[in-house]
PDB file of all heavy atoms in Angstrom:
ATOM      1  N   PHE A   1       0.836  -1.223   0.008  1.00  0.00           N
ATOM      2  CA  PHE A   1       0.015   0.004   0.010  1.00  0.00           C
ATOM      3  C   PHE A   1       0.909   1.234   0.030  1.00  0.00           C
ATOM      4  O   PHE A   1       0.578   2.200  -0.680  1.00  0.00           O
ATOM      5  CB  PHE A   1      -0.926   0.013   1.232  1.00  0.00           C
ATOM      6  CG  PHE A   1      -1.890  -1.151   1.321  1.00  0.00           C
ATOM      7  CD1 PHE A   1      -1.971  -1.960   2.409  1.00  0.00           C
ATOM      8  CD2 PHE A   1      -2.746  -1.409   0.226  1.00  0.00           C
ATOM      9  CE1 PHE A   1      -2.853  -3.017   2.467  1.00  0.00           C
ATOM     10  CE2 PHE A   1      -3.660  -2.441   0.287  1.00  0.00           C
ATOM     11  CZ  PHE A   1      -3.711  -3.294   1.427  1.00  0.00           C
ATOM     12  N   ALA A   2       1.936   1.199   0.807  1.00  0.00           N
ATOM     13  CA  ALA A   2       2.819   2.350   0.948  1.00  0.00           C
ATOM     14  C   ALA A   2       3.559   2.658  -0.342  1.00  0.00           C
ATOM     15  O   ALA A   2       4.091   3.780  -0.502  1.00  0.00           O
ATOM     16  CB  ALA A   2       3.777   2.147   2.131  1.00  0.00           C
ATOM     17  N   GLN A   3       3.727   1.682  -1.218  1.00  0.00           N
ATOM     18  CA  GLN A   3       4.375   1.930  -2.527  1.00  0.00           C
ATOM     19  C   GLN A   3       3.438   2.628  -3.454  1.00  0.00           C
ATOM     20  O   GLN A   3       3.852   3.295  -4.444  1.00  0.00           O
ATOM     21  CB  GLN A   3       4.793   0.660  -3.144  1.00  0.00           C
ATOM     22  CG  GLN A   3       6.084   0.055  -2.513  1.00  0.00           C
ATOM     23  CD  GLN A   3       6.745  -0.982  -3.441  1.00  0.00           C
ATOM     24  OE1 GLN A   3       6.114  -1.638  -4.261  1.00  0.00           O
ATOM     25  NE2 GLN A   3       8.058  -1.067  -3.296  1.00  0.00           N
ATOM     26  N   GLU A   4       2.110   2.576  -3.193  1.00  0.00           N
ATOM     27  CA  GLU A   4       1.079   3.169  -4.103  1.00  0.00           C
ATOM     28  C   GLU A   4       0.641   4.528  -3.675  1.00  0.00           C
ATOM     29  O   GLU A   4       0.404   5.439  -4.570  1.00  0.00           O
ATOM     30  CB  GLU A   4      -0.133   2.254  -4.195  1.00  0.00           C
ATOM     31  CG  GLU A   4       0.173   0.831  -4.653  1.00  0.00           C
ATOM     32  CD  GLU A   4       0.586   0.807  -6.133  1.00  0.00           C
ATOM     33  OE1 GLU A   4       0.085   1.656  -6.878  1.00  0.00           O
ATOM     34  OE2 GLU A   4       1.438  -0.011  -6.522  1.00  0.00           O
ATOM     35  N   VAL A   5       0.501   4.826  -2.386  1.00  0.00           N
ATOM     36  CA  VAL A   5       0.025   6.077  -1.900  1.00  0.00           C
ATOM     37  C   VAL A   5       0.800   6.448  -0.622  1.00  0.00           C
ATOM     38  O   VAL A   5       1.349   5.586   0.061  1.00  0.00           O
ATOM     39  CB  VAL A   5      -1.497   6.022  -1.569  1.00  0.00           C
ATOM     40  CG1 VAL A   5      -2.333   5.741  -2.778  1.00  0.00           C
ATOM     41  CG2 VAL A   5      -1.814   5.026  -0.454  1.00  0.00           C
ATOM     42  N   PRO A   6       0.861   7.707  -0.270  1.00  0.00           N
ATOM     43  CA  PRO A   6       1.490   8.109   1.010  1.00  0.00           C
ATOM     44  C   PRO A   6       0.936   7.383   2.168  1.00  0.00           C
ATOM     45  O   PRO A   6      -0.326   7.218   2.281  1.00  0.00           O
ATOM     46  CB  PRO A   6       1.217   9.622   1.072  1.00  0.00           C
ATOM     47  CG  PRO A   6       1.027  10.073  -0.319  1.00  0.00           C
ATOM     48  CD  PRO A   6       0.315   8.898  -1.015  1.00  0.00           C
ATOM     49  N   ALA A   7       1.748   6.920   3.061  1.00  0.00           N
ATOM     50  CA  ALA A   7       1.306   5.979   4.125  1.00  0.00           C
ATOM     51  C   ALA A   7       1.941   6.317   5.459  1.00  0.00           C
ATOM     52  O   ALA A   7       3.030   6.907   5.490  1.00  0.00           O
ATOM     53  CB  ALA A   7       1.596   4.538   3.718  1.00  0.00           C
ATOM     54  N   ALA A   8       1.245   5.901   6.504  1.00  0.00           N
ATOM     55  CA  ALA A   8       1.809   5.951   7.869  1.00  0.00           C
ATOM     56  C   ALA A   8       1.483   4.649   8.603  1.00  0.00           C
ATOM     57  O   ALA A   8       0.269   4.284   8.663  1.00  0.00           O
ATOM     58  CB  ALA A   8       1.311   7.167   8.631  1.00  0.00           C
ATOM     59  N   PHE A   9       2.500   3.986   9.086  1.00  0.00           N
ATOM     60  CA  PHE A   9       2.349   2.763   9.801  1.00  0.00           C
ATOM     61  C   PHE A   9       2.990   2.942  11.172  1.00  0.00           C
ATOM     62  O   PHE A   9       4.130   3.392  11.250  1.00  0.00           O
ATOM     63  CB  PHE A   9       3.075   1.643   9.057  1.00  0.00           C
ATOM     64  CG  PHE A   9       2.733   0.259   9.450  1.00  0.00           C
ATOM     65  CD1 PHE A   9       1.421  -0.174   9.506  1.00  0.00           C
ATOM     66  CD2 PHE A   9       3.758  -0.698   9.715  1.00  0.00           C
ATOM     67  CE1 PHE A   9       1.114  -1.490   9.812  1.00  0.00           C
ATOM     68  CE2 PHE A   9       3.431  -1.992  10.067  1.00  0.00           C
ATOM     69  CZ  PHE A   9       2.082  -2.429  10.078  1.00  0.00           C
ATOM     70  N   ALA A  10       2.225   2.690  12.211  1.00  0.00           N
ATOM     71  CA  ALA A  10       2.736   3.007  13.597  1.00  0.00           C
ATOM     72  C   ALA A  10       2.561   1.834  14.487  1.00  0.00           C
ATOM     73  O   ALA A  10       1.830   0.862  14.175  1.00  0.00           O
ATOM     74  CB  ALA A  10       1.964   4.264  14.189  1.00  0.00           C
ATOM     75  N   ARG A  11       3.261   1.831  15.644  1.00  0.00           N
ATOM     76  CA  ARG A  11       3.262   0.786  16.651  1.00  0.00           C
ATOM     77  C   ARG A  11       2.294   1.129  17.781  1.00  0.00           C
ATOM     78  O   ARG A  11       2.443   2.174  18.410  1.00  0.00           O
ATOM     79  CB  ARG A  11       4.665   0.550  17.147  1.00  0.00           C
ATOM     80  CG  ARG A  11       5.689   0.254  16.076  1.00  0.00           C
ATOM     81  CD  ARG A  11       5.482  -1.063  15.369  1.00  0.00           C
ATOM     82  NE  ARG A  11       6.519  -1.381  14.471  1.00  0.00           N
ATOM     83  CZ  ARG A  11       6.509  -2.368  13.615  1.00  0.00           C
ATOM     84  NH1 ARG A  11       5.405  -3.196  13.595  1.00  0.00           N
ATOM     85  NH2 ARG A  11       7.481  -2.623  12.759  1.00  0.00           N
ATOM     86  N   LEU A  12       1.394   0.225  18.025  1.00  0.00           N
ATOM     87  CA  LEU A  12       0.410   0.397  19.119  1.00  0.00           C
ATOM     88  C   LEU A  12       0.835  -0.375  20.329  1.00  0.00           C
ATOM     89  O   LEU A  12       0.923  -1.646  20.298  1.00  0.00           O
ATOM     90  CB  LEU A  12      -0.941  -0.102  18.610  1.00  0.00           C
ATOM     91  CG  LEU A  12      -2.128  -0.063  19.636  1.00  0.00           C
ATOM     92  CD1 LEU A  12      -2.450   1.385  20.019  1.00  0.00           C
ATOM     93  CD2 LEU A  12      -3.346  -0.738  19.055  1.00  0.00           C
ATOM     94  N   GLY A  13       1.198   0.289  21.401  1.00  0.00           N
ATOM     95  CA  GLY A  13       1.651  -0.425  22.611  1.00  0.00           C
ATOM     96  C   GLY A  13       0.575  -1.282  23.191  1.00  0.00           C
ATOM     97  O   GLY A  13      -0.569  -0.853  23.383  1.00  0.00           O
ATOM     98  N   THR A  14       0.921  -2.527  23.499  1.00  0.00           N
ATOM     99  CA  THR A  14      -0.130  -3.480  24.025  1.00  0.00           C
ATOM    100  C   THR A  14       0.386  -4.202  25.320  1.00  0.00           C
ATOM    101  O   THR A  14      -0.280  -5.063  25.786  1.00  0.00           O
ATOM    102  CB  THR A  14      -0.413  -4.545  22.964  1.00  0.00           C
ATOM    103  OG1 THR A  14       0.799  -5.306  22.610  1.00  0.00           O
ATOM    104  CG2 THR A  14      -1.026  -3.982  21.739  1.00  0.00           C
ATOM    105  N   HIS A  15       1.568  -3.794  25.845  1.00  0.00           N
ATOM    106  CA  HIS A  15       2.080  -4.439  27.038  1.00  0.00           C
ATOM    107  C   HIS A  15       1.425  -3.918  28.304  1.00  0.00           C
ATOM    108  O   HIS A  15       1.415  -2.724  28.526  1.00  0.00           O
ATOM    109  CB  HIS A  15       3.568  -4.280  27.111  1.00  0.00           C
ATOM    110  CG  HIS A  15       4.178  -4.882  28.321  1.00  0.00           C
ATOM    111  ND1 HIS A  15       4.687  -4.148  29.360  1.00  0.00           N
ATOM    112  CD2 HIS A  15       4.395  -6.191  28.643  1.00  0.00           C
ATOM    113  CE1 HIS A  15       5.157  -4.945  30.305  1.00  0.00           C
ATOM    114  NE2 HIS A  15       4.959  -6.185  29.888  1.00  0.00           N
ATOM    115  N   GLY A  16       0.834  -4.815  29.050  1.00  0.00           N
ATOM    116  CA  GLY A  16       0.185  -4.402  30.289  1.00  0.00           C
ATOM    117  C   GLY A  16       1.030  -4.566  31.465  1.00  0.00           C
ATOM    118  O   GLY A  16       2.054  -5.229  31.464  1.00  0.00           O
ATOM    119  N   PRO A  17       0.680  -3.988  32.611  1.00  0.00           N
ATOM    120  CA  PRO A  17       1.545  -3.944  33.828  1.00  0.00           C
ATOM    121  C   PRO A  17       1.784  -5.277  34.390  1.00  0.00           C
ATOM    122  O   PRO A  17       2.844  -5.524  35.058  1.00  0.00           O
ATOM    123  CB  PRO A  17       0.777  -2.993  34.815  1.00  0.00           C
ATOM    124  CG  PRO A  17      -0.667  -3.083  34.297  1.00  0.00           C
ATOM    125  CD  PRO A  17      -0.545  -3.173  32.813  1.00  0.00           C
ATOM    126  N   ASP A  18       0.860  -6.259  34.244  1.00  0.00           N
ATOM    127  CA  ASP A  18       1.014  -7.573  34.844  1.00  0.00           C
ATOM    128  C   ASP A  18       1.329  -8.648  33.811  1.00  0.00           C
ATOM    129  O   ASP A  18       1.113  -9.848  34.046  1.00  0.00           O
ATOM    130  CB  ASP A  18      -0.270  -7.984  35.619  1.00  0.00           C
ATOM    131  CG  ASP A  18      -0.565  -6.993  36.728  1.00  0.00           C
ATOM    132  OD1 ASP A  18       0.366  -6.592  37.405  1.00  0.00           O
ATOM    133  OD2 ASP A  18      -1.773  -6.635  36.925  1.00  0.00           O
ATOM    134  N   MET A  19       1.803  -8.226  32.618  1.00  0.00           N
ATOM    135  CA  MET A  19       2.059  -9.162  31.533  1.00  0.00           C
ATOM    136  C   MET A  19       3.533  -9.419  31.368  1.00  0.00           C
ATOM    137  O   MET A  19       4.376  -8.494  31.591  1.00  0.00           O
ATOM    138  CB  MET A  19       1.453  -8.641  30.242  1.00  0.00           C
ATOM    139  CG  MET A  19      -0.063  -8.385  30.283  1.00  0.00           C
ATOM    140  SD  MET A  19      -0.667  -7.605  28.815  1.00  0.00           S
ATOM    141  CE  MET A  19      -0.374  -8.903  27.580  1.00  0.00           C
ATOM    142  N   ALA A  20       3.885 -10.614  30.959  1.00  0.00           N
ATOM    143  CA  ALA A  20       5.292 -10.908  30.620  1.00  0.00           C
ATOM    144  C   ALA A  20       5.650 -10.124  29.377  1.00  0.00           C
ATOM    145  O   ALA A  20       4.798  -9.819  28.488  1.00  0.00           O
ATOM    146  CB  ALA A  20       5.464 -12.417  30.383  1.00  0.00           C
ATOM    147  N   LEU A  21       6.940  -9.752  29.279  1.00  0.00           N
ATOM    148  CA  LEU A  21       7.391  -8.991  28.114  1.00  0.00           C
ATOM    149  C   LEU A  21       7.750  -9.964  26.990  1.00  0.00           C
ATOM    150  O   LEU A  21       8.827 -10.497  26.917  1.00  0.00           O
ATOM    151  CB  LEU A  21       8.628  -8.154  28.483  1.00  0.00           C
ATOM    152  CG  LEU A  21       9.013  -7.084  27.510  1.00  0.00           C
ATOM    153  CD1 LEU A  21       7.913  -6.029  27.341  1.00  0.00           C
ATOM    154  CD2 LEU A  21      10.275  -6.356  27.977  1.00  0.00           C
ATOM    155  N   LEU A  22       6.770 -10.207  26.146  1.00  0.00           N
ATOM    156  CA  LEU A  22       6.934 -11.148  24.998  1.00  0.00           C
ATOM    157  C   LEU A  22       7.085 -10.497  23.683  1.00  0.00           C
ATOM    158  O   LEU A  22       6.782  -9.282  23.504  1.00  0.00           O
ATOM    159  CB  LEU A  22       5.683 -12.065  24.987  1.00  0.00           C
ATOM    160  CG  LEU A  22       5.380 -12.911  26.245  1.00  0.00           C
ATOM    161  CD1 LEU A  22       4.073 -13.595  26.103  1.00  0.00           C
ATOM    162  CD2 LEU A  22       6.552 -13.915  26.483  1.00  0.00           C
ATOM    163  N   ASP A  23       7.468 -11.264  22.666  1.00  0.00           N
ATOM    164  CA  ASP A  23       7.546 -10.761  21.336  1.00  0.00           C
ATOM    165  C   ASP A  23       6.319 -11.204  20.572  1.00  0.00           C
ATOM    166  O   ASP A  23       5.572 -12.088  21.012  1.00  0.00           O
ATOM    167  CB  ASP A  23       8.818 -11.264  20.670  1.00  0.00           C
ATOM    168  CG  ASP A  23       9.271 -10.416  19.452  1.00  0.00           C
ATOM    169  OD1 ASP A  23       8.472  -9.444  19.133  1.00  0.00           O
ATOM    170  OD2 ASP A  23      10.288 -10.646  18.859  1.00  0.00           O
ATOM    171  N   LEU A  24       6.137 -10.610  19.404  1.00  0.00           N
ATOM    172  CA  LEU A  24       5.148 -11.140  18.465  1.00  0.00           C
ATOM    173  C   LEU A  24       5.439 -12.578  18.155  1.00  0.00           C
ATOM    174  O   LEU A  24       6.632 -12.960  18.129  1.00  0.00           O
ATOM    175  CB  LEU A  24       5.099 -10.266  17.190  1.00  0.00           C
ATOM    176  CG  LEU A  24       4.697  -8.782  17.380  1.00  0.00           C
ATOM    177  CD1 LEU A  24       4.995  -8.025  16.094  1.00  0.00           C
ATOM    178  CD2 LEU A  24       3.237  -8.675  17.795  1.00  0.00           C
ATOM    179  N   HIS A  25       4.435 -13.324  17.813  1.00  0.00           N
ATOM    180  CA  HIS A  25       4.526 -14.777  17.447  1.00  0.00           C
ATOM    181  C   HIS A  25       4.864 -15.670  18.622  1.00  0.00           C
ATOM    182  O   HIS A  25       5.168 -16.834  18.438  1.00  0.00           O
ATOM    183  CB  HIS A  25       5.536 -14.999  16.289  1.00  0.00           C
ATOM    184  CG  HIS A  25       5.120 -14.339  14.987  1.00  0.00           C
ATOM    185  ND1 HIS A  25       5.590 -14.788  13.782  1.00  0.00           N
ATOM    186  CD2 HIS A  25       4.264 -13.329  14.765  1.00  0.00           C
ATOM    187  CE1 HIS A  25       5.046 -13.992  12.821  1.00  0.00           C
ATOM    188  NE2 HIS A  25       4.260 -13.113  13.361  1.00  0.00           N
ATOM    189  N   ALA A  26       4.850 -15.164  19.830  1.00  0.00           N
ATOM    190  CA  ALA A  26       5.083 -15.999  21.024  1.00  0.00           C
ATOM    191  C   ALA A  26       3.778 -16.808  21.242  1.00  0.00           C
ATOM    192  O   ALA A  26       2.677 -16.326  21.026  1.00  0.00           O
ATOM    193  CB  ALA A  26       5.396 -15.158  22.230  1.00  0.00           C
ATOM    194  N   SER A  27       3.984 -17.974  21.736  1.00  0.00           N
ATOM    195  CA  SER A  27       2.801 -18.929  21.918  1.00  0.00           C
ATOM    196  C   SER A  27       1.849 -18.471  23.029  1.00  0.00           C
ATOM    197  O   SER A  27       0.700 -18.843  23.026  1.00  0.00           O
ATOM    198  CB  SER A  27       3.326 -20.332  22.278  1.00  0.00           C
ATOM    199  OG  SER A  27       4.106 -20.303  23.445  1.00  0.00           O
TER     200      SER A  27
END
């Protein structure tokens, strides 16, 4: 999409205070 039109892709924080610090694709 970003190759076709001006784009903005951002990171949405999802880590909560009582959650383990995991990466994407963690089980």
